[in-house]
Amino acid sequence: MKRILLTLMVVVAGLSTIAPDASAQTNYSNSGASRRQKMMNDWHNDMAEFRARSAEDRQLSELADSLASVQARAALRNQDFVLEAESLQFRNGSTVFVNSTTNFISVKGNRAVVQISPSNFSSGPNGLGGVTVDGYISNQKVMTDSKGRITFSMNVTGIGINAEVEIYMYPDSNKATATVYPNFNSNTVWLQGSIVPYNNSNVFEGSSL
């Protein structure tokens, strides 16, 4: 009988020591789960905030593009614009990225200036690493296709230039490309850039031929 009581006492003592350990383990497990849940909640909140900011940024960008497009279209139709080039492509297929302040096509009323200055290492005839030619425009036409793309074409005639110029502007943007076809040689050049109202342009005009 004494042996049985002693055994029961040992078992009860063992259970009393095990029970707190099991409770502590449960509490630790619950604490870890809570931390993981909090991390997941924080991550979801951060992602929701990021998506909201991204959506707002996209809306602002689209609004800016739309406003720039409206201004560019009006300037194009009023013959009061500048195409500030970001890159040039030549007939041999080579493309160079250029400074938009020194590479452009400008139209103000019936006067046009075409300036190509791809070099930053030589002064060139215009003092800016290239050529600047100006003349008077004629036979100008503005057409809009079914997709909203605008084509502006004109002839430019002057002392240093006799060329046909075609400018294509994309819908919902002021981005454009232009092709200059010289009438006296085959040195066609393509310009890619943005159209801005003449008074908003920051181009620098070199010495004309």
N, C-alpha and C. Protein backbone atom coordinates (compact mmCIF):
# COMPACT_ATOMS: atom_id res chain seq x y z
N MET A 1 0.82 -1.20 0.00
CA MET A 1 0.00 0.00 0.00
C MET A 1 0.86 1.25 0.00
N LYS A 2 1.89 1.26 0.82
CA LYS A 2 2.81 2.40 0.87
C LYS A 2 3.49 2.60 -0.48
N ARG A 3 3.80 1.44 -1.10
CA ARG A 3 4.48 1.53 -2.40
C ARG A 3 3.56 2.16 -3.44
N ILE A 4 2.28 1.84 -3.38
CA ILE A 4 1.32 2.41 -4.34
C ILE A 4 1.17 3.90 -4.11
N LEU A 5 1.06 4.32 -2.84
CA LEU A 5 0.95 5.76 -2.54
C LEU A 5 2.18 6.51 -3.00
N LEU A 6 3.35 5.92 -2.78
CA LEU A 6 4.59 6.57 -3.20
C LEU A 6 4.62 6.74 -4.72
N THR A 7 4.16 5.72 -5.42
CA THR A 7 4.14 5.80 -6.90
C THR A 7 3.19 6.89 -7.37
N LEU A 8 2.01 6.99 -6.76
CA LEU A 8 1.05 8.03 -7.13
C LEU A 8 1.62 9.41 -6.87
N MET A 9 2.35 9.56 -5.75
CA MET A 9 2.94 10.86 -5.43
C MET A 9 3.98 11.27 -6.50
N VAL A 10 4.76 10.30 -6.96
CA VAL A 10 5.78 10.58 -7.98
C VAL A 10 5.12 11.00 -9.29
N VAL A 11 4.02 10.27 -9.65
CA VAL A 11 3.32 10.60 -10.89
C VAL A 11 2.72 11.98 -10.83
N VAL A 12 2.06 12.32 -9.71
CA VAL A 12 1.46 13.65 -9.55
C VAL A 12 2.51 14.74 -9.60
N ALA A 13 3.65 14.52 -8.95
CA ALA A 13 4.74 15.50 -8.99
C ALA A 13 5.24 15.70 -10.41
N GLY A 14 5.35 14.59 -11.16
CA GLY A 14 5.80 14.71 -12.54
C GLY A 14 4.83 15.48 -13.40
N LEU A 15 3.54 15.22 -13.19
CA LEU A 15 2.53 15.97 -13.96
C LEU A 15 2.56 17.44 -13.62
N SER A 16 2.79 17.74 -12.34
CA SER A 16 2.82 19.15 -11.93
C SER A 16 3.99 19.89 -12.54
N THR A 17 5.09 19.19 -12.82
CA THR A 17 6.24 19.85 -13.46
C THR A 17 6.07 19.93 -14.96
N ILE A 18 5.40 18.92 -15.55
CA ILE A 18 5.20 18.92 -17.00
C ILE A 18 4.17 19.94 -17.44
N ALA A 19 3.11 20.10 -16.66
CA ALA A 19 2.01 20.98 -17.03
C ALA A 19 2.45 22.40 -17.30
N PRO A 20 3.27 23.03 -16.46
CA PRO A 20 3.71 24.39 -16.77
C PRO A 20 4.52 24.47 -18.06
N ASP A 21 5.35 23.43 -18.35
CA ASP A 21 6.15 23.44 -19.56
C ASP A 21 5.25 23.39 -20.79
N ALA A 22 4.23 22.56 -20.75
CA ALA A 22 3.30 22.46 -21.87
C ALA A 22 2.55 23.77 -22.06
N SER A 23 2.16 24.38 -20.98
CA SER A 23 1.47 25.68 -21.07
C SER A 23 2.37 26.74 -21.66
N ALA A 24 3.64 26.76 -21.25
CA ALA A 24 4.59 27.73 -21.79
C ALA A 24 4.82 27.52 -23.27
N GLN A 25 4.88 26.20 -23.66
CA GLN A 25 5.07 25.91 -25.09
C GLN A 25 3.88 26.38 -25.90
N THR A 26 2.67 26.19 -25.37
CA THR A 26 1.46 26.65 -26.05
C THR A 26 1.46 28.16 -26.19
N ASN A 27 1.83 28.84 -25.10
CA ASN A 27 1.89 30.31 -25.15
C ASN A 27 2.91 30.79 -26.16
N TYR A 28 4.06 30.12 -26.23
CA TYR A 28 5.11 30.50 -27.19
C TYR A 28 4.62 30.30 -28.61
N SER A 29 3.92 29.17 -28.83
CA SER A 29 3.39 28.89 -30.16
C SER A 29 2.37 29.94 -30.57
N ASN A 30 1.49 30.29 -29.63
CA ASN A 30 0.49 31.32 -29.92
C ASN A 30 1.14 32.67 -30.21
N SER A 31 2.22 32.96 -29.43
CA SER A 31 2.92 34.23 -29.64
C SER A 31 3.57 34.27 -31.02
N GLY A 32 4.18 33.16 -31.44
CA GLY A 32 4.78 33.10 -32.77
C GLY A 32 3.75 33.25 -33.87
N ALA A 33 2.60 32.60 -33.69
CA ALA A 33 1.53 32.72 -34.68
C ALA A 33 1.02 34.15 -34.76
N SER A 34 0.93 34.82 -33.62
CA SER A 34 0.48 36.21 -33.60
C SER A 34 1.46 37.11 -34.34
N ARG A 35 2.76 36.87 -34.13
CA ARG A 35 3.76 37.67 -34.82
C ARG A 35 3.69 37.46 -36.33
N ARG A 36 3.54 36.20 -36.74
CA ARG A 36 3.43 35.93 -38.17
C ARG A 36 2.18 36.57 -38.77
N GLN A 37 1.08 36.52 -38.03
CA GLN A 37 -0.15 37.13 -38.51
C GLN A 37 -0.01 38.64 -38.62
N LYS A 38 0.68 39.24 -37.63
CA LYS A 38 0.91 40.68 -37.66
C LYS A 38 1.78 41.06 -38.85
N MET A 39 2.81 40.25 -39.11
CA MET A 39 3.67 40.52 -40.27
C MET A 39 2.88 40.43 -41.57
N MET A 40 2.01 39.42 -41.67
CA MET A 40 1.19 39.28 -42.87
C MET A 40 0.23 40.46 -43.03
N ASN A 41 -0.37 40.87 -41.91
CA ASN A 41 -1.29 42.02 -41.96
C ASN A 41 -0.55 43.28 -42.38
N ASP A 42 0.64 43.49 -41.82
CA ASP A 42 1.44 44.68 -42.18
C ASP A 42 1.80 44.64 -43.65
N TRP A 43 2.16 43.43 -44.15
CA TRP A 43 2.52 43.30 -45.56
C TRP A 43 1.34 43.62 -46.46
N HIS A 44 0.16 43.11 -46.11
CA HIS A 44 -1.04 43.40 -46.91
C HIS A 44 -1.37 44.89 -46.88
N ASN A 45 -1.20 45.50 -45.73
CA ASN A 45 -1.47 46.95 -45.63
C ASN A 45 -0.49 47.75 -46.47
N ASP A 46 0.80 47.35 -46.42
CA ASP A 46 1.81 48.05 -47.22
C ASP A 46 1.52 47.90 -48.72
N MET A 47 1.14 46.69 -49.14
CA MET A 47 0.84 46.46 -50.54
C MET A 47 -0.38 47.27 -50.99
N ALA A 48 -1.38 47.33 -50.13
CA ALA A 48 -2.58 48.12 -50.47
C ALA A 48 -2.23 49.59 -50.61
N GLU A 49 -1.37 50.08 -49.70
CA GLU A 49 -0.96 51.48 -49.78
C GLU A 49 -0.12 51.74 -51.03
N PHE A 50 0.76 50.78 -51.38
CA PHE A 50 1.58 50.91 -52.57
C PHE A 50 0.72 50.95 -53.82
N ARG A 51 -0.27 50.04 -53.90
CA ARG A 51 -1.14 50.02 -55.07
C ARG A 51 -1.95 51.31 -55.18
N ALA A 52 -2.37 51.83 -54.04
CA ALA A 52 -3.13 53.09 -54.07
C ALA A 52 -2.26 54.23 -54.58
N ARG A 53 -1.00 54.28 -54.10
CA ARG A 53 -0.08 55.33 -54.57
C ARG A 53 0.22 55.16 -56.04
N SER A 54 0.43 53.91 -56.48
CA SER A 54 0.74 53.65 -57.89
C SER A 54 -0.42 54.07 -58.78
N ALA A 55 -1.64 53.75 -58.35
CA ALA A 55 -2.82 54.14 -59.14
C ALA A 55 -2.93 55.65 -59.23
N GLU A 56 -2.64 56.34 -58.13
CA GLU A 56 -2.69 57.81 -58.15
C GLU A 56 -1.61 58.38 -59.05
N ASP A 57 -0.40 57.78 -58.99
CA ASP A 57 0.69 58.24 -59.86
C ASP A 57 0.34 58.02 -61.33
N ARG A 58 -0.27 56.87 -61.64
CA ARG A 58 -0.66 56.60 -63.03
C ARG A 58 -1.70 57.61 -63.51
N GLN A 59 -2.64 57.94 -62.64
CA GLN A 59 -3.67 58.91 -63.02
C GLN A 59 -3.05 60.28 -63.28
N LEU A 60 -2.10 60.68 -62.42
CA LEU A 60 -1.44 61.96 -62.62
C LEU A 60 -0.62 61.96 -63.90
N SER A 61 0.07 60.83 -64.17
CA SER A 61 0.86 60.72 -65.39
C SER A 61 -0.02 60.78 -66.63
N GLU A 62 -1.14 60.07 -66.59
CA GLU A 62 -2.07 60.08 -67.72
C GLU A 62 -2.66 61.48 -67.93
N LEU A 63 -2.94 62.17 -66.83
CA LEU A 63 -3.48 63.53 -66.93
C LEU A 63 -2.44 64.47 -67.55
N ALA A 64 -1.17 64.32 -67.11
CA ALA A 64 -0.11 65.16 -67.67
C ALA A 64 0.09 64.88 -69.15
N ASP A 65 0.06 63.59 -69.54
CA ASP A 65 0.20 63.23 -70.95
C ASP A 65 -0.95 63.80 -71.78
N SER A 66 -2.16 63.72 -71.22
CA SER A 66 -3.33 64.23 -71.94
C SER A 66 -3.23 65.74 -72.15
N LEU A 67 -2.80 66.45 -71.09
CA LEU A 67 -2.66 67.91 -71.21
C LEU A 67 -1.57 68.26 -72.22
N ALA A 68 -0.44 67.55 -72.16
CA ALA A 68 0.65 67.80 -73.11
C ALA A 68 0.19 67.53 -74.53
N SER A 69 -0.64 66.49 -74.71
CA SER A 69 -1.14 66.16 -76.04
C SER A 69 -2.05 67.26 -76.57
N VAL A 70 -2.94 67.76 -75.73
CA VAL A 70 -3.85 68.84 -76.16
C VAL A 70 -3.06 70.08 -76.55
N GLN A 71 -2.07 70.44 -75.74
CA GLN A 71 -1.27 71.62 -76.04
C GLN A 71 -0.48 71.43 -77.34
N ALA A 72 0.10 70.23 -77.52
CA ALA A 72 0.91 69.97 -78.71
C ALA A 72 0.05 70.00 -79.97
N ARG A 73 -1.14 69.42 -79.91
CA ARG A 73 -2.03 69.41 -81.08
C ARG A 73 -2.43 70.83 -81.47
N ALA A 74 -2.75 71.65 -80.46
CA ALA A 74 -3.13 73.03 -80.74
C ALA A 74 -1.95 73.79 -81.35
N ALA A 75 -0.75 73.57 -80.78
CA ALA A 75 0.44 74.26 -81.29
C ALA A 75 0.76 73.83 -82.72
N LEU A 76 0.56 72.54 -83.00
CA LEU A 76 0.82 72.02 -84.34
C LEU A 76 -0.12 72.66 -85.36
N ARG A 77 -1.39 72.71 -85.01
CA ARG A 77 -2.38 73.28 -85.94
C ARG A 77 -2.19 74.79 -86.11
N ASN A 78 -1.67 75.44 -85.08
CA ASN A 78 -1.45 76.89 -85.15
C ASN A 78 -0.09 77.26 -85.74
N GLN A 79 0.69 76.23 -86.13
CA GLN A 79 2.04 76.46 -86.66
C GLN A 79 2.86 77.33 -85.71
N ASP A 80 2.88 76.86 -84.45
CA ASP A 80 3.56 77.60 -83.38
C ASP A 80 4.13 76.57 -82.40
N PHE A 81 5.09 75.77 -82.87
CA PHE A 81 5.57 74.64 -82.07
C PHE A 81 7.04 74.37 -82.31
N VAL A 82 7.57 73.51 -81.43
CA VAL A 82 8.94 73.01 -81.58
C VAL A 82 8.92 71.51 -81.31
N LEU A 83 9.52 70.75 -82.20
CA LEU A 83 9.76 69.33 -81.94
C LEU A 83 11.17 69.22 -81.37
N GLU A 84 11.27 68.95 -80.09
CA GLU A 84 12.56 68.81 -79.42
C GLU A 84 13.00 67.35 -79.53
N ALA A 85 14.06 67.12 -80.27
CA ALA A 85 14.48 65.75 -80.58
C ALA A 85 15.30 65.15 -79.43
N GLU A 86 15.05 63.87 -79.17
CA GLU A 86 15.83 63.11 -78.20
C GLU A 86 16.78 62.14 -78.88
N SER A 87 16.47 61.79 -80.14
CA SER A 87 17.36 60.90 -80.89
C SER A 87 17.25 61.21 -82.38
N LEU A 88 18.31 60.88 -83.10
CA LEU A 88 18.36 61.05 -84.55
C LEU A 88 18.70 59.72 -85.19
N GLN A 89 18.12 59.48 -86.33
CA GLN A 89 18.48 58.31 -87.11
C GLN A 89 18.82 58.75 -88.52
N PHE A 90 19.95 58.21 -89.04
CA PHE A 90 20.42 58.62 -90.35
C PHE A 90 20.16 57.51 -91.38
N ARG A 91 20.37 57.86 -92.62
CA ARG A 91 20.02 56.95 -93.72
C ARG A 91 20.76 55.63 -93.65
N ASN A 92 21.95 55.61 -93.07
CA ASN A 92 22.72 54.37 -92.95
C ASN A 92 22.22 53.48 -91.82
N GLY A 93 21.20 53.94 -91.09
CA GLY A 93 20.61 53.13 -90.02
C GLY A 93 21.14 53.44 -88.64
N SER A 94 22.19 54.26 -88.54
CA SER A 94 22.75 54.57 -87.23
C SER A 94 21.84 55.52 -86.47
N THR A 95 21.75 55.31 -85.17
CA THR A 95 20.91 56.15 -84.29
C THR A 95 21.77 56.72 -83.18
N VAL A 96 21.59 57.98 -82.89
CA VAL A 96 22.33 58.62 -81.81
C VAL A 96 21.34 59.37 -80.92
N PHE A 97 21.61 59.33 -79.62
CA PHE A 97 20.83 60.12 -78.68
C PHE A 97 21.45 61.50 -78.57
N VAL A 98 20.61 62.52 -78.56
CA VAL A 98 21.10 63.88 -78.67
C VAL A 98 20.47 64.78 -77.60
N ASN A 99 21.04 65.97 -77.51
CA ASN A 99 20.54 66.99 -76.60
C ASN A 99 19.34 67.67 -77.25
N SER A 100 18.20 67.64 -76.58
CA SER A 100 16.98 68.20 -77.19
C SER A 100 17.02 69.73 -77.31
N THR A 101 17.93 70.38 -76.58
CA THR A 101 18.00 71.84 -76.68
C THR A 101 18.74 72.30 -77.94
N THR A 102 19.48 71.40 -78.57
CA THR A 102 20.24 71.78 -79.77
C THR A 102 19.86 70.97 -81.01
N ASN A 103 18.87 70.10 -80.88
CA ASN A 103 18.39 69.30 -82.01
C ASN A 103 16.88 69.42 -82.06
N PHE A 104 16.38 70.06 -83.09
CA PHE A 104 14.95 70.36 -83.10
C PHE A 104 14.48 70.78 -84.49
N ILE A 105 13.16 70.83 -84.62
CA ILE A 105 12.48 71.47 -85.74
C ILE A 105 11.50 72.45 -85.14
N SER A 106 11.61 73.70 -85.50
CA SER A 106 10.71 74.71 -84.96
C SER A 106 9.92 75.36 -86.09
N VAL A 107 8.68 75.70 -85.77
CA VAL A 107 7.82 76.40 -86.72
C VAL A 107 7.16 77.56 -85.99
N LYS A 108 7.31 78.73 -86.55
CA LYS A 108 6.69 79.94 -85.99
C LYS A 108 6.07 80.71 -87.15
N GLY A 109 4.75 80.61 -87.28
CA GLY A 109 4.12 81.25 -88.42
C GLY A 109 4.53 80.57 -89.70
N ASN A 110 5.12 81.34 -90.61
CA ASN A 110 5.55 80.75 -91.89
C ASN A 110 7.06 80.52 -91.95
N ARG A 111 7.73 80.60 -90.79
CA ARG A 111 9.18 80.37 -90.72
C ARG A 111 9.46 79.06 -90.00
N ALA A 112 10.42 78.31 -90.55
CA ALA A 112 10.81 77.04 -89.93
C ALA A 112 12.33 76.99 -89.78
N VAL A 113 12.77 76.33 -88.72
CA VAL A 113 14.20 76.11 -88.49
C VAL A 113 14.41 74.62 -88.25
N VAL A 114 15.38 74.07 -88.96
CA VAL A 114 15.77 72.68 -88.75
C VAL A 114 17.22 72.70 -88.27
N GLN A 115 17.44 72.18 -87.08
CA GLN A 115 18.80 72.18 -86.52
C GLN A 115 19.18 70.76 -86.12
N ILE A 116 20.26 70.29 -86.71
CA ILE A 116 20.79 68.95 -86.42
C ILE A 116 22.20 69.13 -85.87
N SER A 117 22.40 68.78 -84.59
CA SER A 117 23.70 68.95 -83.95
C SER A 117 24.05 67.69 -83.16
N PRO A 118 24.43 66.62 -83.85
CA PRO A 118 24.68 65.35 -83.15
C PRO A 118 26.01 65.28 -82.43
N SER A 119 26.93 66.20 -82.73
CA SER A 119 28.27 66.10 -82.16
C SER A 119 28.44 67.05 -80.97
N ASN A 120 29.04 66.50 -79.91
CA ASN A 120 29.39 67.33 -78.75
C ASN A 120 30.88 67.68 -78.74
N PHE A 121 31.59 67.26 -79.80
CA PHE A 121 33.04 67.41 -79.79
C PHE A 121 33.57 68.38 -80.84
N SER A 122 32.70 68.80 -81.76
CA SER A 122 33.14 69.76 -82.77
C SER A 122 32.09 70.87 -82.88
N SER A 123 32.54 72.04 -83.26
CA SER A 123 31.64 73.19 -83.29
C SER A 123 30.68 73.13 -84.47
N GLY A 124 31.17 72.66 -85.64
CA GLY A 124 30.31 72.59 -86.81
C GLY A 124 29.99 73.97 -87.36
N PRO A 125 29.30 74.01 -88.49
CA PRO A 125 28.96 75.30 -89.11
C PRO A 125 28.11 76.20 -88.21
N ASN A 126 27.28 75.58 -87.33
CA ASN A 126 26.40 76.42 -86.50
C ASN A 126 26.99 76.72 -85.13
N GLY A 127 28.22 76.24 -84.88
CA GLY A 127 28.86 76.49 -83.59
C GLY A 127 28.37 75.57 -82.49
N LEU A 128 27.48 74.62 -82.83
CA LEU A 128 26.91 73.71 -81.82
C LEU A 128 27.12 72.25 -82.19
N GLY A 129 28.05 72.00 -83.08
CA GLY A 129 28.32 70.62 -83.45
C GLY A 129 27.44 70.10 -84.57
N GLY A 130 26.92 71.00 -85.40
CA GLY A 130 26.05 70.54 -86.47
C GLY A 130 25.69 71.66 -87.43
N VAL A 131 24.46 71.58 -87.96
CA VAL A 131 24.01 72.53 -88.97
C VAL A 131 22.67 73.10 -88.57
N THR A 132 22.50 74.38 -88.79
CA THR A 132 21.22 75.06 -88.58
C THR A 132 20.80 75.71 -89.89
N VAL A 133 19.60 75.37 -90.35
CA VAL A 133 19.08 75.97 -91.58
C VAL A 133 17.67 76.48 -91.30
N ASP A 134 17.36 77.59 -91.94
CA ASP A 134 16.00 78.13 -91.76
C ASP A 134 15.45 78.58 -93.10
N GLY A 135 14.14 78.59 -93.17
CA GLY A 135 13.50 78.98 -94.41
C GLY A 135 12.02 79.23 -94.18
N TYR A 136 11.32 79.42 -95.27
CA TYR A 136 9.88 79.67 -95.20
C TYR A 136 9.14 78.41 -95.61
N ILE A 137 8.00 78.23 -94.97
CA ILE A 137 7.24 77.01 -95.24
C ILE A 137 6.14 77.27 -96.27
N SER A 138 5.79 76.20 -96.96
CA SER A 138 4.70 76.25 -97.94
C SER A 138 4.07 74.87 -98.03
N ASN A 139 2.88 74.81 -98.65
CA ASN A 139 2.18 73.55 -98.84
C ASN A 139 1.99 72.77 -97.54
N GLN A 140 1.78 73.48 -96.44
CA GLN A 140 1.58 72.80 -95.17
C GLN A 140 0.19 72.15 -95.11
N LYS A 141 0.16 70.95 -94.56
CA LYS A 141 -1.08 70.20 -94.43
C LYS A 141 -1.13 69.52 -93.06
N VAL A 142 -2.33 69.45 -92.50
CA VAL A 142 -2.53 68.76 -91.23
C VAL A 142 -3.64 67.73 -91.43
N MET A 143 -3.34 66.49 -91.14
CA MET A 143 -4.32 65.41 -91.31
C MET A 143 -4.36 64.56 -90.05
N THR A 144 -5.56 64.07 -89.71
CA THR A 144 -5.76 63.18 -88.56
C THR A 144 -6.41 61.89 -89.04
N ASP A 145 -5.81 60.75 -88.71
CA ASP A 145 -6.40 59.48 -89.16
C ASP A 145 -7.41 58.97 -88.15
N SER A 146 -7.98 57.80 -88.44
CA SER A 146 -9.05 57.25 -87.61
C SER A 146 -8.59 56.87 -86.21
N LYS A 147 -7.27 56.69 -86.01
CA LYS A 147 -6.74 56.33 -84.71
C LYS A 147 -6.25 57.54 -83.92
N GLY A 148 -6.47 58.74 -84.46
CA GLY A 148 -6.09 59.96 -83.75
C GLY A 148 -4.67 60.41 -83.97
N ARG A 149 -3.95 59.77 -84.88
CA ARG A 149 -2.58 60.19 -85.17
C ARG A 149 -2.61 61.37 -86.14
N ILE A 150 -1.79 62.36 -85.84
CA ILE A 150 -1.75 63.58 -86.66
C ILE A 150 -0.51 63.57 -87.54
N THR A 151 -0.69 63.94 -88.78
CA THR A 151 0.43 64.12 -89.71
C THR A 151 0.46 65.58 -90.13
N PHE A 152 1.60 66.22 -89.91
CA PHE A 152 1.81 67.61 -90.33
C PHE A 152 2.93 67.58 -91.37
N SER A 153 2.63 68.04 -92.58
CA SER A 153 3.64 68.05 -93.63
C SER A 153 3.82 69.47 -94.16
N MET A 154 5.02 69.76 -94.63
CA MET A 154 5.32 71.10 -95.15
C MET A 154 6.58 71.02 -96.00
N ASN A 155 6.72 72.00 -96.87
CA ASN A 155 7.98 72.23 -97.58
C ASN A 155 8.68 73.41 -96.94
N VAL A 156 9.99 73.28 -96.79
CA VAL A 156 10.78 74.36 -96.20
C VAL A 156 11.83 74.77 -97.24
N THR A 157 11.81 76.06 -97.59
CA THR A 157 12.72 76.56 -98.62
C THR A 157 13.47 77.78 -98.09
N GLY A 158 14.79 77.74 -98.22
CA GLY A 158 15.61 78.86 -97.78
C GLY A 158 16.98 78.78 -98.40
N ILE A 159 17.90 79.63 -97.92
CA ILE A 159 19.25 79.65 -98.47
C ILE A 159 19.96 78.33 -98.22
N GLY A 160 19.79 77.77 -97.02
CA GLY A 160 20.52 76.54 -96.69
C GLY A 160 19.66 75.30 -96.70
N ILE A 161 18.39 75.41 -97.11
CA ILE A 161 17.53 74.24 -97.04
C ILE A 161 16.48 74.27 -98.14
N ASN A 162 16.22 73.11 -98.65
CA ASN A 162 15.11 72.91 -99.58
C ASN A 162 14.66 71.47 -99.35
N ALA A 163 13.66 71.31 -98.49
CA ALA A 163 13.32 69.96 -98.05
C ALA A 163 11.84 69.83 -97.77
N GLU A 164 11.39 68.59 -97.79
CA GLU A 164 10.04 68.26 -97.36
C GLU A 164 10.13 67.67 -95.95
N VAL A 165 9.26 68.13 -95.08
CA VAL A 165 9.27 67.68 -93.69
C VAL A 165 7.91 67.09 -93.34
N GLU A 166 7.92 65.91 -92.76
CA GLU A 166 6.69 65.29 -92.29
C GLU A 166 6.83 64.97 -90.80
N ILE A 167 5.84 65.37 -90.03
CA ILE A 167 5.84 65.16 -88.59
C ILE A 167 4.62 64.31 -88.23
N TYR A 168 4.86 63.26 -87.46
CA TYR A 168 3.79 62.37 -87.03
C TYR A 168 3.68 62.44 -85.51
N MET A 169 2.50 62.76 -85.01
CA MET A 169 2.30 62.82 -83.56
C MET A 169 1.33 61.75 -83.13
N TYR A 170 1.67 61.05 -82.05
CA TYR A 170 0.86 59.94 -81.57
C TYR A 170 -0.33 60.45 -80.76
N PRO A 171 -1.42 59.66 -80.69
CA PRO A 171 -2.58 60.09 -79.91
C PRO A 171 -2.31 60.01 -78.41
N ASP A 172 -2.98 60.89 -77.65
CA ASP A 172 -2.89 60.91 -76.18
C ASP A 172 -1.48 61.14 -75.67
N SER A 173 -0.66 61.81 -76.45
CA SER A 173 0.72 62.08 -76.04
C SER A 173 1.26 63.20 -76.91
N ASN A 174 2.34 63.84 -76.46
CA ASN A 174 2.99 64.84 -77.30
C ASN A 174 4.25 64.27 -77.97
N LYS A 175 4.43 62.93 -77.88
CA LYS A 175 5.55 62.28 -78.53
C LYS A 175 5.36 62.30 -80.04
N ALA A 176 6.45 62.48 -80.78
CA ALA A 176 6.34 62.59 -82.23
C ALA A 176 7.63 62.14 -82.90
N THR A 177 7.50 61.83 -84.17
CA THR A 177 8.66 61.57 -85.03
C THR A 177 8.56 62.48 -86.24
N ALA A 178 9.69 62.79 -86.81
CA ALA A 178 9.72 63.65 -87.99
C ALA A 178 10.73 63.09 -88.99
N THR A 179 10.42 63.28 -90.25
CA THR A 179 11.32 62.89 -91.33
C THR A 179 11.62 64.11 -92.18
N VAL A 180 12.90 64.34 -92.41
CA VAL A 180 13.34 65.46 -93.24
C VAL A 180 13.91 64.88 -94.53
N TYR A 181 13.24 65.18 -95.66
CA TYR A 181 13.68 64.71 -96.97
C TYR A 181 14.29 65.87 -97.74
N PRO A 182 15.61 65.98 -97.79
CA PRO A 182 16.22 67.05 -98.60
C PRO A 182 15.95 66.82 -100.08
N ASN A 183 15.61 67.89 -100.78
CA ASN A 183 15.30 67.76 -102.20
C ASN A 183 16.54 67.70 -103.08
N PHE A 184 17.69 68.09 -102.53
CA PHE A 184 18.90 68.16 -103.35
C PHE A 184 19.85 66.99 -103.09
N ASN A 185 19.57 66.12 -102.12
CA ASN A 185 20.38 64.92 -101.91
C ASN A 185 19.52 63.87 -101.20
N SER A 186 20.11 62.72 -100.91
CA SER A 186 19.36 61.64 -100.28
C SER A 186 19.70 61.46 -98.80
N ASN A 187 20.20 62.53 -98.18
CA ASN A 187 20.59 62.44 -96.77
C ASN A 187 19.38 62.63 -95.84
N THR A 188 18.43 61.72 -95.96
CA THR A 188 17.24 61.78 -95.13
C THR A 188 17.61 61.55 -93.66
N VAL A 189 16.94 62.29 -92.77
CA VAL A 189 17.20 62.14 -91.34
C VAL A 189 15.86 62.05 -90.62
N TRP A 190 15.83 61.22 -89.59
CA TRP A 190 14.63 61.05 -88.78
C TRP A 190 14.89 61.57 -87.37
N LEU A 191 13.91 62.25 -86.82
CA LEU A 191 14.03 62.78 -85.46
C LEU A 191 12.90 62.19 -84.60
N GLN A 192 13.21 61.89 -83.37
CA GLN A 192 12.21 61.43 -82.42
C GLN A 192 12.29 62.29 -81.17
N GLY A 193 11.12 62.72 -80.69
CA GLY A 193 11.12 63.57 -79.51
C GLY A 193 9.72 63.97 -79.10
N SER A 194 9.60 65.18 -78.59
CA SER A 194 8.32 65.68 -78.08
C SER A 194 8.01 67.04 -78.68
N ILE A 195 6.71 67.29 -78.91
CA ILE A 195 6.27 68.58 -79.43
C ILE A 195 5.78 69.43 -78.27
N VAL A 196 6.26 70.66 -78.22
CA VAL A 196 5.84 71.61 -77.19
C VAL A 196 5.48 72.93 -77.86
N PRO A 197 4.62 73.73 -77.24
CA PRO A 197 4.35 75.06 -77.79
C PRO A 197 5.64 75.86 -77.91
N TYR A 198 5.70 76.70 -78.92
CA TYR A 198 6.92 77.44 -79.22
C TYR A 198 7.44 78.21 -78.00
N ASN A 199 6.55 78.89 -77.29
CA ASN A 199 6.97 79.69 -76.15
C ASN A 199 7.39 78.87 -74.94
N ASN A 200 7.07 77.57 -74.94
CA ASN A 200 7.47 76.70 -73.83
C ASN A 200 8.77 75.96 -74.10
N SER A 201 9.35 76.19 -75.26
CA SER A 201 10.55 75.46 -75.64
C SER A 201 11.80 76.10 -75.05
N ASN A 202 12.80 75.26 -74.80
CA ASN A 202 14.08 75.73 -74.26
C ASN A 202 15.23 75.50 -75.23
N VAL A 203 14.95 75.43 -76.52
CA VAL A 203 16.00 75.14 -77.49
C VAL A 203 16.93 76.34 -77.65
N PHE A 204 18.15 76.02 -78.12
CA PHE A 204 19.14 77.06 -78.37
C PHE A 204 19.51 77.01 -79.84
N GLU A 205 19.23 78.10 -80.56
CA GLU A 205 19.46 78.15 -82.00
C GLU A 205 20.86 78.65 -82.32
N GLY A 206 21.55 77.87 -83.15
CA GLY A 206 22.89 78.26 -83.55
C GLY A 206 22.90 79.18 -84.77
N SER A 207 24.06 79.37 -85.34
CA SER A 207 24.21 80.25 -86.49
C SER A 207 23.71 79.55 -87.75
N SER A 208 22.80 80.20 -88.45
CA SER A 208 22.22 79.60 -89.65
C SER A 208 23.16 79.72 -90.83
N LEU A 209 22.99 78.83 -91.79
CA LEU A 209 23.76 78.89 -93.03
C LEU A 209 23.29 80.08 -93.87
